[in-house]
Amino acid sequence: MKDNFESIRAERDVPSYRQTAIQSNYTGLWRQIALGIVVGYSVLGVLSAVGWVIFLKLAVGTLQINIP
C-alpha cells in the first residue's frame, strides 16, 4: 500500500468548514431520538393493551356467576 503524506496538514491549516459539517450530523440524530421515543411509546401502548385484554379474559373466564 502506498503512503500518501502530501495531504498531511497542521491543525491550523484545516479549513473551518469542517466544524459545520460535524454539527450538521447531529440533525439526523435528534430525528432518530424523537422517532425512537414515539415508536417506543406506541409499542408499549400496544403491548399494554394486549396484556390487559389477556388479563381480563383470564379474570372473566374463571369468574362464575350463580343465578339463584
PDB file of N, CA and C in Angstrom:
ATOM      1  N   MET A   1       0.847  -1.160   0.000  1.00  0.00           N
ATOM      2  CA  MET A   1       0.000   0.000   0.000  1.00  0.00           C
ATOM      3  C   MET A   1       0.903   1.237   0.000  1.00  0.00           C
ATOM      4  N   LYS A   2       0.609   2.181  -0.846  1.00  0.00           N
ATOM      5  CA  LYS A   2       1.443   3.368  -0.978  1.00  0.00           C
ATOM      6  C   LYS A   2       1.054   4.394   0.085  1.00  0.00           C
ATOM      7  N   ASP A   3       2.047   4.971   0.735  1.00  0.00           N
ATOM      8  CA  ASP A   3       1.791   6.015   1.728  1.00  0.00           C
ATOM      9  C   ASP A   3       1.677   7.355   1.024  1.00  0.00           C
ATOM     10  N   ASN A   4       0.676   8.132   1.411  1.00  0.00           N
ATOM     11  CA  ASN A   4       0.476   9.443   0.824  1.00  0.00           C
ATOM     12  C   ASN A   4       0.595  10.483   1.931  1.00  0.00           C
ATOM     13  N   PHE A   5       1.745  11.151   1.988  1.00  0.00           N
ATOM     14  CA  PHE A   5       1.973  12.161   3.014  1.00  0.00           C
ATOM     15  C   PHE A   5       1.758  13.571   2.483  1.00  0.00           C
ATOM     16  N   GLU A   6       1.253  13.701   1.284  1.00  0.00           N
ATOM     17  CA  GLU A   6       1.039  15.016   0.691  1.00  0.00           C
ATOM     18  C   GLU A   6      -0.141  15.746   1.331  1.00  0.00           C
ATOM     19  N   SER A   7      -1.105  15.001   1.840  1.00  0.00           N
ATOM     20  CA  SER A   7      -2.311  15.644   2.363  1.00  0.00           C
ATOM     21  C   SER A   7      -2.238  15.922   3.865  1.00  0.00           C
ATOM     22  N   ILE A   8      -1.079  15.718   4.487  1.00  0.00           N
ATOM     23  CA  ILE A   8      -0.942  15.991   5.918  1.00  0.00           C
ATOM     24  C   ILE A   8      -0.805  17.497   6.112  1.00  0.00           C
ATOM     25  N   ARG A   9      -1.629  18.045   7.007  1.00  0.00           N
ATOM     26  CA  ARG A   9      -1.587  19.475   7.296  1.00  0.00           C
ATOM     27  C   ARG A   9      -1.572  19.684   8.800  1.00  0.00           C
ATOM     28  N   ALA A  10      -1.128  20.837   9.185  1.00  0.00           N
ATOM     29  CA  ALA A  10      -1.209  21.200  10.597  1.00  0.00           C
ATOM     30  C   ALA A  10      -2.659  21.521  10.932  1.00  0.00           C
ATOM     31  N   GLU A  11      -2.994  21.470  12.202  1.00  0.00           N
ATOM     32  CA  GLU A  11      -4.379  21.708  12.606  1.00  0.00           C
ATOM     33  C   GLU A  11      -4.828  23.123  12.252  1.00  0.00           C
ATOM     34  N   ARG A  12      -3.915  24.080  12.279  1.00  0.00           N
ATOM     35  CA  ARG A  12      -4.286  25.455  11.955  1.00  0.00           C
ATOM     36  C   ARG A  12      -4.553  25.630  10.465  1.00  0.00           C
ATOM     37  N   ASP A  13      -4.088  24.693   9.636  1.00  0.00           N
ATOM     38  CA  ASP A  13      -4.294  24.791   8.195  1.00  0.00           C
ATOM     39  C   ASP A  13      -5.622  24.198   7.740  1.00  0.00           C
ATOM     40  N   VAL A  14      -6.308  23.505   8.629  1.00  0.00           N
ATOM     41  CA  VAL A  14      -7.566  22.869   8.256  1.00  0.00           C
ATOM     42  C   VAL A  14      -8.641  23.942   8.133  1.00  0.00           C
ATOM     43  N   PRO A  15      -9.385  23.964   7.058  1.00  0.00           N
ATOM     44  CA  PRO A  15     -10.442  24.970   6.901  1.00  0.00           C
ATOM     45  C   PRO A  15     -11.504  24.847   7.993  1.00  0.00           C
ATOM     46  N   SER A  16     -12.172  25.953   8.266  1.00  0.00           N
ATOM     47  CA  SER A  16     -13.157  25.978   9.355  1.00  0.00           C
ATOM     48  C   SER A  16     -14.494  25.356   8.955  1.00  0.00           C
ATOM     49  N   TYR A  17     -14.683  25.009   7.697  1.00  0.00           N
ATOM     50  CA  TYR A  17     -15.961  24.427   7.284  1.00  0.00           C
ATOM     51  C   TYR A  17     -16.179  23.042   7.867  1.00  0.00           C
ATOM     52  N   ARG A  18     -15.165  22.422   8.403  1.00  0.00           N
ATOM     53  CA  ARG A  18     -15.327  21.095   8.999  1.00  0.00           C
ATOM     54  C   ARG A  18     -16.187  21.149  10.255  1.00  0.00           C
ATOM     55  N   GLN A  19     -16.158  22.259  10.977  1.00  0.00           N
ATOM     56  CA  GLN A  19     -16.964  22.384  12.183  1.00  0.00           C
ATOM     57  C   GLN A  19     -18.452  22.349  11.843  1.00  0.00           C
ATOM     58  N   THR A  20     -18.862  22.995  10.782  1.00  0.00           N
ATOM     59  CA  THR A  20     -20.276  22.983  10.401  1.00  0.00           C
ATOM     60  C   THR A  20     -20.695  21.606   9.907  1.00  0.00           C
ATOM     61  N   ALA A  21     -19.774  20.880   9.288  1.00  0.00           N
ATOM     62  CA  ALA A  21     -20.104  19.540   8.809  1.00  0.00           C
ATOM     63  C   ALA A  21     -20.347  18.598   9.980  1.00  0.00           C
ATOM     64  N   ILE A  22     -19.597  18.770  11.055  1.00  0.00           N
ATOM     65  CA  ILE A  22     -19.783  17.924  12.230  1.00  0.00           C
ATOM     66  C   ILE A  22     -21.113  18.246  12.901  1.00  0.00           C
ATOM     67  N   GLN A  23     -21.465  19.522  12.995  1.00  0.00           N
ATOM     68  CA  GLN A  23     -22.717  19.915  13.636  1.00  0.00           C
ATOM     69  C   GLN A  23     -23.925  19.472  12.827  1.00  0.00           C
ATOM     70  N   SER A  24     -23.806  19.416  11.513  1.00  0.00           N
ATOM     71  CA  SER A  24     -24.945  19.006  10.702  1.00  0.00           C
ATOM     72  C   SER A  24     -25.238  17.515  10.853  1.00  0.00           C
ATOM     73  N   ASN A  25     -24.278  16.739  11.355  1.00  0.00           N
ATOM     74  CA  ASN A  25     -24.524  15.313  11.569  1.00  0.00           C
ATOM     75  C   ASN A  25     -25.505  15.076  12.703  1.00  0.00           C
ATOM     76  N   TYR A  26     -25.620  16.030  13.637  1.00  0.00           N
ATOM     77  CA  TYR A  26     -26.491  15.841  14.788  1.00  0.00           C
ATOM     78  C   TYR A  26     -27.964  16.060  14.457  1.00  0.00           C
ATOM     79  N   THR A  27     -28.278  16.654  13.322  1.00  0.00           N
ATOM     80  CA  THR A  27     -29.684  16.859  12.980  1.00  0.00           C
ATOM     81  C   THR A  27     -30.383  15.524  12.761  1.00  0.00           C
ATOM     82  N   GLY A  28     -29.734  14.601  12.131  1.00  0.00           N
ATOM     83  CA  GLY A  28     -30.308  13.274  11.946  1.00  0.00           C
ATOM     84  C   GLY A  28     -30.411  12.510  13.250  1.00  0.00           C
ATOM     85  N   LEU A  29     -29.480  12.775  14.169  1.00  0.00           N
ATOM     86  CA  LEU A  29     -29.503  12.107  15.468  1.00  0.00           C
ATOM     87  C   LEU A  29     -30.739  12.506  16.256  1.00  0.00           C
ATOM     88  N   TRP A  30     -31.075  13.804  16.266  1.00  0.00           N
ATOM     89  CA  TRP A  30     -32.270  14.252  17.001  1.00  0.00           C
ATOM     90  C   TRP A  30     -33.532  13.662  16.391  1.00  0.00           C
ATOM     91  N   ARG A  31     -33.554  13.526  15.085  1.00  0.00           N
ATOM     92  CA  ARG A  31     -34.711  12.920  14.424  1.00  0.00           C
ATOM     93  C   ARG A  31     -34.844  11.452  14.818  1.00  0.00           C
ATOM     94  N   GLN A  32     -33.733  10.743  14.895  1.00  0.00           N
ATOM     95  CA  GLN A  32     -33.770   9.336  15.297  1.00  0.00           C
ATOM     96  C   GLN A  32     -34.195   9.181  16.749  1.00  0.00           C
ATOM     97  N   ILE A  33     -33.739  10.088  17.617  1.00  0.00           N
ATOM     98  CA  ILE A  33     -34.145  10.026  19.021  1.00  0.00           C
ATOM     99  C   ILE A  33     -35.640  10.259  19.147  1.00  0.00           C
ATOM    100  N   ALA A  34     -36.164  11.271  18.454  1.00  0.00           N
ATOM    101  CA  ALA A  34     -37.599  11.557  18.516  1.00  0.00           C
ATOM    102  C   ALA A  34     -38.406  10.394  17.955  1.00  0.00           C
ATOM    103  N   LEU A  35     -37.960   9.822  16.861  1.00  0.00           N
ATOM    104  CA  LEU A  35     -38.663   8.683  16.270  1.00  0.00           C
ATOM    105  C   LEU A  35     -38.619   7.475  17.198  1.00  0.00           C
ATOM    106  N   GLY A  36     -37.502   7.265  17.860  1.00  0.00           N
ATOM    107  CA  GLY A  36     -37.393   6.166  18.812  1.00  0.00           C
ATOM    108  C   GLY A  36     -38.332   6.331  19.990  1.00  0.00           C
ATOM    109  N   ILE A  37     -38.496   7.568  20.474  1.00  0.00           N
ATOM    110  CA  ILE A  37     -39.416   7.818  21.584  1.00  0.00           C
ATOM    111  C   ILE A  37     -40.848   7.550  21.153  1.00  0.00           C
ATOM    112  N   VAL A  38     -41.228   8.047  19.989  1.00  0.00           N
ATOM    113  CA  VAL A  38     -42.603   7.862  19.509  1.00  0.00           C
ATOM    114  C   VAL A  38     -42.895   6.384  19.268  1.00  0.00           C
ATOM    115  N   VAL A  39     -41.998   5.694  18.594  1.00  0.00           N
ATOM    116  CA  VAL A  39     -42.210   4.271  18.309  1.00  0.00           C
ATOM    117  C   VAL A  39     -42.189   3.461  19.599  1.00  0.00           C
ATOM    118  N   GLY A  40     -41.307   3.815  20.521  1.00  0.00           N
ATOM    119  CA  GLY A  40     -41.234   3.100  21.788  1.00  0.00           C
ATOM    120  C   GLY A  40     -42.512   3.213  22.589  1.00  0.00           C
ATOM    121  N   TYR A  41     -43.042   4.433  22.706  1.00  0.00           N
ATOM    122  CA  TYR A  41     -44.293   4.609  23.439  1.00  0.00           C
ATOM    123  C   TYR A  41     -45.459   3.918  22.735  1.00  0.00           C
ATOM    124  N   SER A  42     -45.453   3.925  21.411  1.00  0.00           N
ATOM    125  CA  SER A  42     -46.522   3.240  20.680  1.00  0.00           C
ATOM    126  C   SER A  42     -46.481   1.738  20.932  1.00  0.00           C
ATOM    127  N   VAL A  43     -45.306   1.158  20.881  1.00  0.00           N
ATOM    128  CA  VAL A  43     -45.167  -0.284  21.123  1.00  0.00           C
ATOM    129  C   VAL A  43     -45.558  -0.618  22.559  1.00  0.00           C
ATOM    130  N   LEU A  44     -45.135   0.216  23.516  1.00  0.00           N
ATOM    131  CA  LEU A  44     -45.519  -0.028  24.907  1.00  0.00           C
ATOM    132  C   LEU A  44     -47.032   0.062  25.087  1.00  0.00           C
ATOM    133  N   GLY A  45     -47.676   0.994  24.405  1.00  0.00           N
ATOM    134  CA  GLY A  45     -49.130   1.108  24.487  1.00  0.00           C
ATOM    135  C   GLY A  45     -49.839  -0.108  23.926  1.00  0.00           C
ATOM    136  N   VAL A  46     -49.366  -0.595  22.786  1.00  0.00           N
ATOM    137  CA  VAL A  46     -49.981  -1.776  22.174  1.00  0.00           C
ATOM    138  C   VAL A  46     -49.769  -3.008  23.052  1.00  0.00           C
ATOM    139  N   LEU A  47     -48.555  -3.184  23.564  1.00  0.00           N
ATOM    140  CA  LEU A  47     -48.290  -4.330  24.439  1.00  0.00           C
ATOM    141  C   LEU A  47     -49.101  -4.247  25.726  1.00  0.00           C
ATOM    142  N   SER A  48     -49.276  -3.054  26.245  1.00  0.00           N
ATOM    143  CA  SER A  48     -50.081  -2.883  27.450  1.00  0.00           C
ATOM    144  C   SER A  48     -51.540  -3.239  27.175  1.00  0.00           C
ATOM    145  N   ALA A  49     -52.069  -2.799  26.042  1.00  0.00           N
ATOM    146  CA  ALA A  49     -53.455  -3.120  25.694  1.00  0.00           C
ATOM    147  C   ALA A  49     -53.636  -4.628  25.520  1.00  0.00           C
ATOM    148  N   VAL A  50     -52.699  -5.280  24.861  1.00  0.00           N
ATOM    149  CA  VAL A  50     -52.782  -6.733  24.679  1.00  0.00           C
ATOM    150  C   VAL A  50     -52.699  -7.437  26.027  1.00  0.00           C
ATOM    151  N   GLY A  51     -51.828  -6.956  26.893  1.00  0.00           N
ATOM    152  CA  GLY A  51     -51.711  -7.540  28.227  1.00  0.00           C
ATOM    153  C   GLY A  51     -52.988  -7.410  29.033  1.00  0.00           C
ATOM    154  N   TRP A  52     -53.633  -6.246  28.967  1.00  0.00           N
ATOM    155  CA  TRP A  52     -54.894  -6.053  29.687  1.00  0.00           C
ATOM    156  C   TRP A  52     -55.996  -6.940  29.119  1.00  0.00           C
ATOM    157  N   VAL A  53     -56.040  -7.112  27.808  1.00  0.00           N
ATOM    158  CA  VAL A  53     -57.056  -7.981  27.204  1.00  0.00           C
ATOM    159  C   VAL A  53     -56.863  -9.419  27.672  1.00  0.00           C
ATOM    160  N   ILE A  54     -55.627  -9.887  27.681  1.00  0.00           N
ATOM    161  CA  ILE A  54     -55.358 -11.253  28.150  1.00  0.00           C
ATOM    162  C   ILE A  54     -55.716 -11.391  29.622  1.00  0.00           C
ATOM    163  N   PHE A  55     -55.351 -10.404  30.428  1.00  0.00           N
ATOM    164  CA  PHE A  55     -55.672 -10.446  31.853  1.00  0.00           C
ATOM    165  C   PHE A  55     -57.181 -10.460  32.080  1.00  0.00           C
ATOM    166  N   LEU A  56     -57.913  -9.629  31.350  1.00  0.00           N
ATOM    167  CA  LEU A  56     -59.368  -9.590  31.522  1.00  0.00           C
ATOM    168  C   LEU A  56     -60.024 -10.887  31.059  1.00  0.00           C
ATOM    169  N   LYS A  57     -59.517 -11.482  29.987  1.00  0.00           N
ATOM    170  CA  LYS A  57     -60.076 -12.766  29.539  1.00  0.00           C
ATOM    171  C   LYS A  57     -59.848 -13.850  30.583  1.00  0.00           C
ATOM    172  N   LEU A  58     -58.675 -13.875  31.176  1.00  0.00           N
ATOM    173  CA  LEU A  58     -58.404 -14.859  32.220  1.00  0.00           C
ATOM    174  C   LEU A  58     -59.237 -14.587  33.464  1.00  0.00           C
ATOM    175  N   ALA A  59     -59.394 -13.332  33.827  1.00  0.00           N
ATOM    176  CA  ALA A  59     -60.151 -12.989  35.033  1.00  0.00           C
ATOM    177  C   ALA A  59     -61.633 -13.289  34.849  1.00  0.00           C
ATOM    178  N   VAL A  60     -62.174 -12.938  33.693  1.00  0.00           N
ATOM    179  CA  VAL A  60     -63.600 -13.172  33.442  1.00  0.00           C
ATOM    180  C   VAL A  60     -63.847 -14.647  33.149  1.00  0.00           C
ATOM    181  N   GLY A  61     -62.891 -15.331  32.569  1.00  0.00           N
ATOM    182  CA  GLY A  61     -63.054 -16.748  32.250  1.00  0.00           C
ATOM    183  C   GLY A  61     -63.160 -17.614  33.489  1.00  0.00           C
ATOM    184  N   THR A  62     -62.482 -17.241  34.544  1.00  0.00           N
ATOM    185  CA  THR A  62     -62.548 -18.022  35.783  1.00  0.00           C
ATOM    186  C   THR A  62     -63.674 -17.558  36.692  1.00  0.00           C
ATOM    187  N   LEU A  63     -64.309 -16.461  36.345  1.00  0.00           N
ATOM    188  CA  LEU A  63     -65.396 -15.926  37.166  1.00  0.00           C
ATOM    189  C   LEU A  63     -66.680 -16.707  36.881  1.00  0.00           C
ATOM    190  N   GLN A  64     -67.298 -17.189  37.926  1.00  0.00           N
ATOM    191  CA  GLN A  64     -68.551 -17.925  37.768  1.00  0.00           C
ATOM    192  C   GLN A  64     -69.658 -17.174  38.500  1.00  0.00           C
ATOM    193  N   ILE A  65     -70.731 -16.961  37.787  1.00  0.00           N
ATOM    194  CA  ILE A  65     -71.878 -16.267  38.374  1.00  0.00           C
ATOM    195  C   ILE A  65     -73.000 -17.282  38.542  1.00  0.00           C
ATOM    196  N   ASN A  66     -73.449 -17.432  39.761  1.00  0.00           N
ATOM    197  CA  ASN A  66     -74.557 -18.351  40.058  1.00  0.00           C
ATOM    198  C   ASN A  66     -75.838 -17.551  40.216  1.00  0.00           C
ATOM    199  N   ILE A  67     -76.796 -17.844  39.360  1.00  0.00           N
ATOM    200  CA  ILE A  67     -78.092 -17.162  39.454  1.00  0.00           C
ATOM    201  C   ILE A  67     -79.034 -18.056  40.253  1.00  0.00           C
ATOM    202  N   PRO A  68     -79.568 -17.540  41.369  1.00  0.00           N
ATOM    203  CA  PRO A  68     -80.468 -18.379  42.189  1.00  0.00           C
ATOM    204  C   PRO A  68     -81.810 -18.631  41.529  1.00  0.00           C
TER     205      PRO A  68
END
